[in-house]
Amino acid sequence: MSNWKANRNYWKVKDEHGDVVAFIIEVEGRECRVSEEVYHCYAKGDRRERYILSDQKKGRVLSLEQMAQDEVREDYVGIPSAPSCLDTLVEQEDEADLEAKKQKILPALLELSDRDRELILMLFYEGASTRQAAARFSVDQKRIRVWRDRVLRDLKKIFAKIS
C-alpha cells in the first residue's frame, strides 16, 4: 500500500462479498457516512491535490500566477485565478480606447442630418428592429437597411476626419 493510501481520510466499506456498503470520510477524528457522489467528489479533489503537489518542484511555492503561466486551467484546482498584470493593462487600454471613441460619437452624430441621426438612435440606442424603423418612417425594410448602411458609411468618414 502506498504512503498516501495509509494516510488518507476516506475509504469504502465492503461486505463479505466485496460489494461496497458504505462510503466514509473522516472529519476532525469522526467517521462520517456520505453518499457515493460526495465520496467521489472528495476523492477527486484529493487526487487533484496530490497530483499538483507531486508535480510541484521541491521548495517551490504553489502560486496561481505560476499556474496561469503554466496554462493550468482554473477549474483544475477549483478556484479562479487573478488576471495577470498584462491582462489588466490590456483591459485598461481597451477601456481607455472605448472612452476616447465615446467622446467622438456625439460630435459625429451631430454632423448627421436629423432624420439620419433619428434612424441611428432608433436602431442602435433604442434597439429597434429594421421592421420597426420601417413602420416608423413609412418605408419598406429594404430601404431601411440601405439607408442604415449609407449612414454608417457617412459616420465612418466623419470619424476619420475627427481622428
C-alpha atoms as a PDB file:
ATOM      1  CA  MET A   1       0.000   0.000   0.000  1.00  0.00           C
ATOM      2  CA  SER A   2       1.468   3.364  -0.990  1.00  0.00           C
ATOM      3  CA  ASN A   3       2.008   6.083   1.611  1.00  0.00           C
ATOM      4  CA  TRP A   4      -0.944   8.246   0.542  1.00  0.00           C
ATOM      5  CA  LYS A   5      -3.357   5.316   0.939  1.00  0.00           C
ATOM      6  CA  ALA A   6      -2.182   4.751   4.513  1.00  0.00           C
ATOM      7  CA  ASN A   7      -2.682   8.444   5.361  1.00  0.00           C
ATOM      8  CA  ARG A   8      -5.926   9.168   3.515  1.00  0.00           C
ATOM      9  CA  ASN A   9      -9.058  10.094   5.466  1.00  0.00           C
ATOM     10  CA  TYR A  10     -11.659   8.460   3.229  1.00  0.00           C
ATOM     11  CA  TRP A  11     -12.452   4.854   2.370  1.00  0.00           C
ATOM     12  CA  LYS A  12     -15.111   2.406   1.232  1.00  0.00           C
ATOM     13  CA  VAL A  13     -16.620  -0.248   3.488  1.00  0.00           C
ATOM     14  CA  LYS A  14     -17.231  -3.577   1.761  1.00  0.00           C
ATOM     15  CA  ASP A  15     -19.240  -6.597   2.830  1.00  0.00           C
ATOM     16  CA  GLU A  16     -18.055 -10.246   2.731  1.00  0.00           C
ATOM     17  CA  HIS A  17     -18.918 -10.474  -0.988  1.00  0.00           C
ATOM     18  CA  GLY A  18     -16.800  -7.438  -1.886  1.00  0.00           C
ATOM     19  CA  ASP A  19     -19.776  -5.150  -2.524  1.00  0.00           C
ATOM     20  CA  VAL A  20     -19.483  -1.551  -1.304  1.00  0.00           C
ATOM     21  CA  VAL A  21     -21.967  -0.928   1.509  1.00  0.00           C
ATOM     22  CA  ALA A  22     -20.802   2.486   2.786  1.00  0.00           C
ATOM     23  CA  PHE A  23     -18.611   5.453   1.929  1.00  0.00           C
ATOM     24  CA  ILE A  24     -16.740   7.037   4.850  1.00  0.00           C
ATOM     25  CA  ILE A  25     -14.901  10.349   5.188  1.00  0.00           C
ATOM     26  CA  GLU A  26     -13.111  11.129   8.422  1.00  0.00           C
ATOM     27  CA  VAL A  27     -13.660  14.719   9.564  1.00  0.00           C
ATOM     28  CA  GLU A  28     -11.931  16.008  12.717  1.00  0.00           C
ATOM     29  CA  GLY A  29     -11.475  12.473  14.016  1.00  0.00           C
ATOM     30  CA  ARG A  30     -15.111  11.451  13.406  1.00  0.00           C
ATOM     31  CA  GLU A  31     -16.133   8.975  10.733  1.00  0.00           C
ATOM     32  CA  CYS A  32     -18.963  10.386   8.621  1.00  0.00           C
ATOM     33  CA  ARG A  33     -21.021   8.260   6.281  1.00  0.00           C
ATOM     34  CA  VAL A  34     -21.573  10.096   2.991  1.00  0.00           C
ATOM     35  CA  SER A  35     -23.287   9.455  -0.320  1.00  0.00           C
ATOM     36  CA  GLU A  36     -21.390   7.914  -3.207  1.00  0.00           C
ATOM     37  CA  GLU A  37     -21.475  11.237  -5.066  1.00  0.00           C
ATOM     38  CA  VAL A  38     -19.943  13.158  -2.146  1.00  0.00           C
ATOM     39  CA  TYR A  39     -17.316  10.432  -1.697  1.00  0.00           C
ATOM     40  CA  HIS A  40     -16.295  10.538  -5.359  1.00  0.00           C
ATOM     41  CA  CYS A  41     -16.105  14.369  -5.392  1.00  0.00           C
ATOM     42  CA  TYR A  42     -13.959  14.311  -2.255  1.00  0.00           C
ATOM     43  CA  ALA A  43     -11.689  11.599  -3.695  1.00  0.00           C
ATOM     44  CA  LYS A  44     -11.356  13.521  -6.972  1.00  0.00           C
ATOM     45  CA  GLY A  45     -10.308  16.661  -5.073  1.00  0.00           C
ATOM     46  CA  ASP A  46      -7.773  14.649  -3.088  1.00  0.00           C
ATOM     47  CA  ARG A  47      -6.318  13.187  -6.285  1.00  0.00           C
ATOM     48  CA  ARG A  48      -6.017  16.672  -7.793  1.00  0.00           C
ATOM     49  CA  GLU A  49      -4.263  17.962  -4.713  1.00  0.00           C
ATOM     50  CA  ARG A  50      -1.819  15.025  -4.654  1.00  0.00           C
ATOM     51  CA  TYR A  51      -1.128  15.425  -8.385  1.00  0.00           C
ATOM     52  CA  ILE A  52      -0.435  19.144  -8.057  1.00  0.00           C
ATOM     53  CA  LEU A  53       1.801  18.624  -5.045  1.00  0.00           C
ATOM     54  CA  SER A  54       3.728  15.767  -6.680  1.00  0.00           C
ATOM     55  CA  ASP A  55       4.156  17.846  -9.845  1.00  0.00           C
ATOM     56  CA  GLN A  56       5.426  20.779  -7.808  1.00  0.00           C
ATOM     57  CA  LYS A  57       9.199  21.092  -7.506  1.00  0.00           C
ATOM     58  CA  LYS A  58      10.693  20.760  -4.038  1.00  0.00           C
ATOM     59  CA  GLY A  59      10.902  24.088  -2.199  1.00  0.00           C
ATOM     60  CA  ARG A  60       8.755  25.848  -4.774  1.00  0.00           C
ATOM     61  CA  VAL A  61       5.636  27.666  -3.599  1.00  0.00           C
ATOM     62  CA  LEU A  62       2.454  26.893  -5.497  1.00  0.00           C
ATOM     63  CA  SER A  63       1.031  30.155  -6.863  1.00  0.00           C
ATOM     64  CA  LEU A  64      -1.983  30.954  -9.014  1.00  0.00           C
ATOM     65  CA  GLU A  65       0.121  33.273 -11.159  1.00  0.00           C
ATOM     66  CA  GLN A  66       2.603  30.471 -11.897  1.00  0.00           C
ATOM     67  CA  MET A  67      -0.300  28.139 -12.689  1.00  0.00           C
ATOM     68  CA  ALA A  68      -1.635  30.724 -15.146  1.00  0.00           C
ATOM     69  CA  GLN A  69       1.788  30.945 -16.785  1.00  0.00           C
ATOM     70  CA  ASP A  70       1.919  27.141 -16.954  1.00  0.00           C
ATOM     71  CA  GLU A  71      -1.571  27.285 -18.519  1.00  0.00           C
ATOM     72  CA  VAL A  72      -3.176  25.168 -15.805  1.00  0.00           C
ATOM     73  CA  ARG A  73      -6.926  25.573 -16.169  1.00  0.00           C
ATOM     74  CA  GLU A  74      -8.759  27.355 -13.333  1.00  0.00           C
ATOM     75  CA  ASP A  75     -11.263  24.557 -12.942  1.00  0.00           C
ATOM     76  CA  TYR A  76      -8.363  22.135 -12.443  1.00  0.00           C
ATOM     77  CA  VAL A  77      -7.774  23.454  -8.934  1.00  0.00           C
ATOM     78  CA  GLY A  78     -11.326  24.596  -8.332  1.00  0.00           C
ATOM     79  CA  ILE A  79     -10.747  28.308  -7.792  1.00  0.00           C
ATOM     80  CA  PRO A  80     -10.428  31.155 -10.279  1.00  0.00           C
ATOM     81  CA  SER A  81      -7.033  32.776 -10.651  1.00  0.00           C
ATOM     82  CA  ALA A  82      -6.498  36.510 -10.616  1.00  0.00           C
ATOM     83  CA  PRO A  83      -5.867  38.117 -14.002  1.00  0.00           C
ATOM     84  CA  SER A  84      -2.232  38.674 -14.869  1.00  0.00           C
ATOM     85  CA  CYS A  85      -0.716  42.162 -14.930  1.00  0.00           C
ATOM     86  CA  LEU A  86      -0.593  42.021 -18.719  1.00  0.00           C
ATOM     87  CA  ASP A  87      -4.296  41.145 -18.944  1.00  0.00           C
ATOM     88  CA  THR A  88      -5.109  44.021 -16.593  1.00  0.00           C
ATOM     89  CA  LEU A  89      -3.064  46.512 -18.643  1.00  0.00           C
ATOM     90  CA  VAL A  90      -4.644  45.376 -21.919  1.00  0.00           C
ATOM     91  CA  GLU A  91      -8.097  45.687 -20.377  1.00  0.00           C
ATOM     92  CA  GLN A  92      -7.311  49.213 -19.114  1.00  0.00           C
ATOM     93  CA  GLU A  93      -6.050  50.242 -22.565  1.00  0.00           C
ATOM     94  CA  ASP A  94      -9.200  48.842 -24.178  1.00  0.00           C
ATOM     95  CA  GLU A  95     -11.347  50.807 -21.718  1.00  0.00           C
ATOM     96  CA  ALA A  96      -9.368  53.980 -22.473  1.00  0.00           C
ATOM     97  CA  ASP A  97      -9.843  53.414 -26.235  1.00  0.00           C
ATOM     98  CA  LEU A  98     -13.561  52.903 -25.707  1.00  0.00           C
ATOM     99  CA  GLU A  99     -13.818  56.110 -23.671  1.00  0.00           C
ATOM    100  CA  ALA A 100     -11.972  58.020 -26.415  1.00  0.00           C
ATOM    101  CA  LYS A 101     -14.390  56.645 -29.012  1.00  0.00           C
ATOM    102  CA  LYS A 102     -17.363  57.581 -26.828  1.00  0.00           C
ATOM    103  CA  GLN A 103     -16.058  61.160 -26.721  1.00  0.00           C
ATOM    104  CA  LYS A 104     -16.058  61.256 -30.535  1.00  0.00           C
ATOM    105  CA  ILE A 105     -19.528  59.774 -31.077  1.00  0.00           C
ATOM    106  CA  LEU A 106     -21.545  62.835 -30.059  1.00  0.00           C
ATOM    107  CA  PRO A 107     -19.789  65.286 -32.417  1.00  0.00           C
ATOM    108  CA  ALA A 108     -20.062  62.706 -35.214  1.00  0.00           C
ATOM    109  CA  LEU A 109     -23.799  62.210 -34.606  1.00  0.00           C
ATOM    110  CA  LEU A 110     -24.334  65.965 -34.575  1.00  0.00           C
ATOM    111  CA  GLU A 111     -22.884  66.198 -38.090  1.00  0.00           C
ATOM    112  CA  LEU A 112     -25.632  63.910 -39.426  1.00  0.00           C
ATOM    113  CA  SER A 113     -28.986  65.178 -40.646  1.00  0.00           C
ATOM    114  CA  ASP A 114     -31.894  64.975 -38.192  1.00  0.00           C
ATOM    115  CA  ARG A 115     -33.515  62.019 -39.999  1.00  0.00           C
ATOM    116  CA  ASP A 116     -30.219  60.116 -40.254  1.00  0.00           C
ATOM    117  CA  ARG A 117     -29.493  60.725 -36.560  1.00  0.00           C
ATOM    118  CA  GLU A 118     -33.044  59.644 -35.659  1.00  0.00           C
ATOM    119  CA  LEU A 119     -32.578  56.377 -37.595  1.00  0.00           C
ATOM    120  CA  ILE A 120     -29.219  55.597 -35.953  1.00  0.00           C
ATOM    121  CA  LEU A 121     -30.510  56.403 -32.474  1.00  0.00           C
ATOM    122  CA  MET A 122     -33.579  54.256 -33.063  1.00  0.00           C
ATOM    123  CA  LEU A 123     -31.645  51.250 -34.394  1.00  0.00           C
ATOM    124  CA  PHE A 124     -28.556  51.296 -32.168  1.00  0.00           C
ATOM    125  CA  TYR A 125     -29.567  53.058 -28.966  1.00  0.00           C
ATOM    126  CA  GLU A 126     -33.224  52.121 -28.619  1.00  0.00           C
ATOM    127  CA  GLY A 127     -32.639  48.637 -30.013  1.00  0.00           C
ATOM    128  CA  ALA A 128     -35.432  48.842 -32.596  1.00  0.00           C
ATOM    129  CA  SER A 129     -35.527  46.341 -35.451  1.00  0.00           C
ATOM    130  CA  THR A 130     -35.414  47.347 -39.112  1.00  0.00           C
ATOM    131  CA  ARG A 131     -39.076  46.338 -39.318  1.00  0.00           C
ATOM    132  CA  GLN A 132     -39.992  48.779 -36.523  1.00  0.00           C
ATOM    133  CA  ALA A 133     -37.926  51.530 -38.164  1.00  0.00           C
ATOM    134  CA  ALA A 134     -39.630  50.851 -41.500  1.00  0.00           C
ATOM    135  CA  ALA A 135     -43.042  51.253 -39.866  1.00  0.00           C
ATOM    136  CA  ARG A 136     -41.986  54.463 -38.129  1.00  0.00           C
ATOM    137  CA  PHE A 137     -40.571  56.076 -41.298  1.00  0.00           C
ATOM    138  CA  SER A 138     -43.262  54.596 -43.590  1.00  0.00           C
ATOM    139  CA  VAL A 139     -40.816  52.859 -45.916  1.00  0.00           C
ATOM    140  CA  ASP A 140     -40.048  49.186 -46.578  1.00  0.00           C
ATOM    141  CA  GLN A 141     -37.442  47.197 -44.642  1.00  0.00           C
ATOM    142  CA  LYS A 142     -35.018  47.012 -47.550  1.00  0.00           C
ATOM    143  CA  ARG A 143     -34.983  50.802 -47.772  1.00  0.00           C
ATOM    144  CA  ILE A 144     -34.147  50.996 -44.046  1.00  0.00           C
ATOM    145  CA  ARG A 145     -31.198  48.606 -44.457  1.00  0.00           C
ATOM    146  CA  VAL A 146     -29.816  50.590 -47.430  1.00  0.00           C
ATOM    147  CA  TRP A 147     -30.341  53.862 -45.532  1.00  0.00           C
ATOM    148  CA  ARG A 148     -28.674  52.446 -42.379  1.00  0.00           C
ATOM    149  CA  ASP A 149     -25.645  51.247 -44.356  1.00  0.00           C
ATOM    150  CA  ARG A 150     -25.255  54.653 -46.056  1.00  0.00           C
ATOM    151  CA  VAL A 151     -25.442  56.483 -42.715  1.00  0.00           C
ATOM    152  CA  LEU A 152     -22.884  54.128 -41.181  1.00  0.00           C
ATOM    153  CA  ARG A 153     -20.512  54.786 -44.112  1.00  0.00           C
ATOM    154  CA  ASP A 154     -21.018  58.528 -43.560  1.00  0.00           C
ATOM    155  CA  LEU A 155     -20.268  58.103 -39.838  1.00  0.00           C
ATOM    156  CA  LYS A 156     -17.098  56.224 -40.684  1.00  0.00           C
ATOM    157  CA  LYS A 157     -15.942  59.138 -42.859  1.00  0.00           C
ATOM    158  CA  ILE A 158     -16.813  61.620 -40.104  1.00  0.00           C
ATOM    159  CA  PHE A 159     -14.811  59.556 -37.568  1.00  0.00           C
ATOM    160  CA  ALA A 160     -11.853  59.528 -39.941  1.00  0.00           C
ATOM    161  CA  LYS A 161     -11.989  63.348 -40.126  1.00  0.00           C
ATOM    162  CA  ILE A 162     -12.240  63.741 -36.338  1.00  0.00           C
ATOM    163  CA  SER A 163      -9.290  61.401 -35.625  1.00  0.00           C
END
